[in-house]
Amino acid sequence: MCLQVAALFMVVLGLWTPYFYIATYGVEHGMSLKLANYLFALINAGSFVGRVSGGFLAGWVGQFNVITASCYISAILIFIWLGVTSTGGLIVIAILFGASSGIIIALMMSTIAHTADHPSKVSKPSALAVPFSSAVS
């Protein structure tokens, strides 16, 4: 349980970086200011799709498998983002990263609660995870 909380803390450290900096990155690489302002909306649109589809995928494949794959996909997309300079590429990265980070956001607390031995003991892992993961935000 403590290892999972520490891992999700590290995930949250890098999860919010594109949300804050993708518009600035777009402007620095030649994207118009008007279009760059829509990148945040595109990330949120992708996040909506990820949050909704994440629960369905977790029921089919397993929530630990889905959140692990989403963490890897988000990390890969952050590294790809650093090499993308075109407007179309940034739009695609914004939507894909939004979807993968939306899955992480949707499944984070249920995955932590799933580690409890009994349903009456769900509060202990959740109480441990929330302060650490929200300290980053």
Protein backbone atom coordinates (compact mmCIF):
# COMPACT_ATOMS: atom_id res chain seq x y z
CA MET A 1 0.00 0.00 0.00
CA CYS A 2 2.76 2.48 0.89
CA LEU A 3 4.59 1.62 -2.31
CA GLN A 4 1.46 2.30 -4.32
CA VAL A 5 0.93 5.65 -2.60
CA ALA A 6 4.55 6.60 -3.30
CA ALA A 7 4.18 5.56 -6.95
CA LEU A 8 1.00 7.58 -7.42
CA PHE A 9 2.70 10.56 -5.75
CA MET A 10 5.43 10.37 -8.40
CA VAL A 11 2.82 10.06 -11.15
CA VAL A 12 0.99 13.17 -9.92
CA LEU A 13 4.29 15.08 -9.91
CA GLY A 14 4.51 14.82 -13.68
CA LEU A 15 0.83 14.55 -14.53
CA TRP A 16 -0.03 18.25 -14.37
CA THR A 17 2.95 19.59 -16.34
CA PRO A 18 1.27 19.57 -19.78
CA TYR A 19 -1.88 21.11 -18.34
CA PHE A 20 0.10 24.18 -17.28
CA TYR A 21 2.67 24.50 -20.05
CA ILE A 22 1.32 23.14 -23.35
CA ALA A 23 -0.20 26.47 -24.44
CA THR A 24 3.03 28.35 -23.73
CA TYR A 25 4.98 25.64 -25.54
CA GLY A 26 2.67 25.99 -28.54
CA VAL A 27 3.14 29.76 -28.72
CA GLU A 28 6.92 29.38 -28.42
CA HIS A 29 6.88 26.99 -31.39
CA GLY A 30 4.87 29.15 -33.77
CA MET A 31 1.28 28.32 -32.89
CA SER A 32 -1.10 31.26 -32.94
CA LEU A 33 -2.13 32.53 -29.52
CA LYS A 34 -5.79 32.00 -30.36
CA LEU A 35 -5.27 28.33 -31.19
CA ALA A 36 -2.83 27.75 -28.33
CA ASN A 37 -5.51 28.80 -25.86
CA TYR A 38 -7.67 25.93 -27.13
CA LEU A 39 -5.03 23.32 -26.26
CA PHE A 40 -6.18 23.32 -22.65
CA ALA A 41 -9.76 22.72 -23.79
CA LEU A 42 -8.55 19.86 -25.97
CA ILE A 43 -6.71 18.29 -23.04
CA ASN A 44 -9.90 18.52 -20.98
CA ALA A 45 -11.97 17.02 -23.81
CA GLY A 46 -9.55 14.10 -23.99
CA SER A 47 -9.64 13.83 -20.22
CA PHE A 48 -13.43 13.52 -20.31
CA VAL A 49 -13.17 10.63 -22.75
CA GLY A 50 -10.46 9.02 -20.62
CA ARG A 51 -12.39 9.36 -17.38
CA VAL A 52 -15.48 7.77 -18.88
CA SER A 53 -13.73 5.01 -20.80
CA GLY A 54 -11.29 4.25 -17.97
CA GLY A 55 -14.00 2.73 -15.82
CA PHE A 56 -15.22 0.51 -18.65
CA LEU A 57 -11.68 -0.62 -19.44
CA ALA A 58 -10.97 -1.29 -15.76
CA GLY A 59 -14.00 -3.53 -15.50
CA TRP A 60 -12.89 -5.50 -18.52
CA VAL A 61 -9.09 -5.68 -18.11
CA GLY A 62 -8.56 -4.80 -14.43
CA GLN A 63 -8.01 -1.44 -12.80
CA PHE A 64 -4.37 -2.00 -11.89
CA ASN A 65 -3.57 -3.00 -15.47
CA VAL A 66 -5.40 0.00 -16.90
CA ILE A 67 -3.83 2.57 -14.56
CA THR A 68 -0.36 1.07 -15.11
CA ALA A 69 -0.74 1.24 -18.89
CA SER A 70 -2.08 4.80 -18.63
CA CYS A 71 0.90 5.88 -16.54
CA TYR A 72 3.29 4.49 -19.15
CA ILE A 73 1.34 6.07 -22.01
CA SER A 74 1.28 9.45 -20.24
CA ALA A 75 5.02 9.31 -19.61
CA ILE A 76 5.73 8.38 -23.24
CA LEU A 77 3.48 11.19 -24.47
CA ILE A 78 5.30 13.74 -22.27
CA PHE A 79 8.60 12.70 -23.84
CA ILE A 80 7.09 12.81 -27.34
CA TRP A 81 5.65 16.26 -26.56
CA LEU A 82 9.18 17.62 -26.14
CA GLY A 83 9.97 16.77 -29.76
CA VAL A 84 6.73 17.98 -31.34
CA THR A 85 6.84 21.46 -32.87
CA SER A 86 3.97 21.42 -35.37
CA THR A 87 0.49 22.71 -34.66
CA GLY A 88 -1.22 19.46 -35.66
CA GLY A 89 1.16 17.42 -33.55
CA LEU A 90 0.47 19.52 -30.47
CA ILE A 91 -3.28 19.12 -30.98
CA VAL A 92 -2.91 15.33 -31.21
CA ILE A 93 -0.62 15.23 -28.16
CA ALA A 94 -3.11 17.34 -26.17
CA ILE A 95 -6.02 15.02 -26.93
CA LEU A 96 -4.08 11.80 -26.35
CA PHE A 97 -2.44 13.03 -23.16
CA GLY A 98 -5.80 14.25 -21.88
CA ALA A 99 -7.30 10.79 -22.44
CA SER A 100 -4.47 8.94 -20.72
CA SER A 101 -4.29 11.33 -17.79
CA GLY A 102 -8.07 11.24 -17.45
CA ILE A 103 -7.88 7.49 -16.88
CA ILE A 104 -5.30 8.03 -14.14
CA ILE A 105 -7.40 10.70 -12.46
CA ALA A 106 -10.53 8.55 -12.61
CA LEU A 107 -8.95 5.36 -11.27
CA MET A 108 -6.48 6.72 -8.74
CA MET A 109 -8.64 6.62 -5.62
CA SER A 110 -10.47 3.41 -6.49
CA THR A 111 -7.14 1.67 -7.07
CA ILE A 112 -5.89 2.80 -3.68
CA ALA A 113 -9.13 1.74 -1.99
CA HIS A 114 -8.86 -1.65 -3.69
CA THR A 115 -5.70 -2.42 -1.69
CA ALA A 116 -7.63 -2.52 1.60
CA ASP A 117 -8.02 -5.95 3.20
CA HIS A 118 -11.70 -5.44 3.96
CA PRO A 119 -14.25 -2.83 2.84
CA SER A 120 -14.38 -1.48 6.39
CA LYS A 121 -10.67 -0.61 6.14
CA VAL A 122 -10.83 1.53 2.99
CA SER A 123 -10.34 4.75 4.94
CA LYS A 124 -6.74 3.95 5.96
CA PRO A 125 -5.19 3.78 2.47
CA SER A 126 -7.33 6.65 1.25
CA ALA A 127 -6.38 8.82 4.21
CA LEU A 128 -2.74 8.07 3.56
CA ALA A 129 -2.89 8.75 -0.18
CA VAL A 130 -4.94 11.95 -0.38
CA PRO A 131 -2.57 14.29 1.51
CA PHE A 132 0.47 13.04 -0.37
CA SER A 133 -1.07 13.18 -3.82
CA SER A 134 -2.73 16.55 -3.25
CA ALA A 135 0.41 18.10 -1.77
CA VAL A 136 1.82 18.27 -5.28
CA SER A 137 -1.21 20.06 -6.72
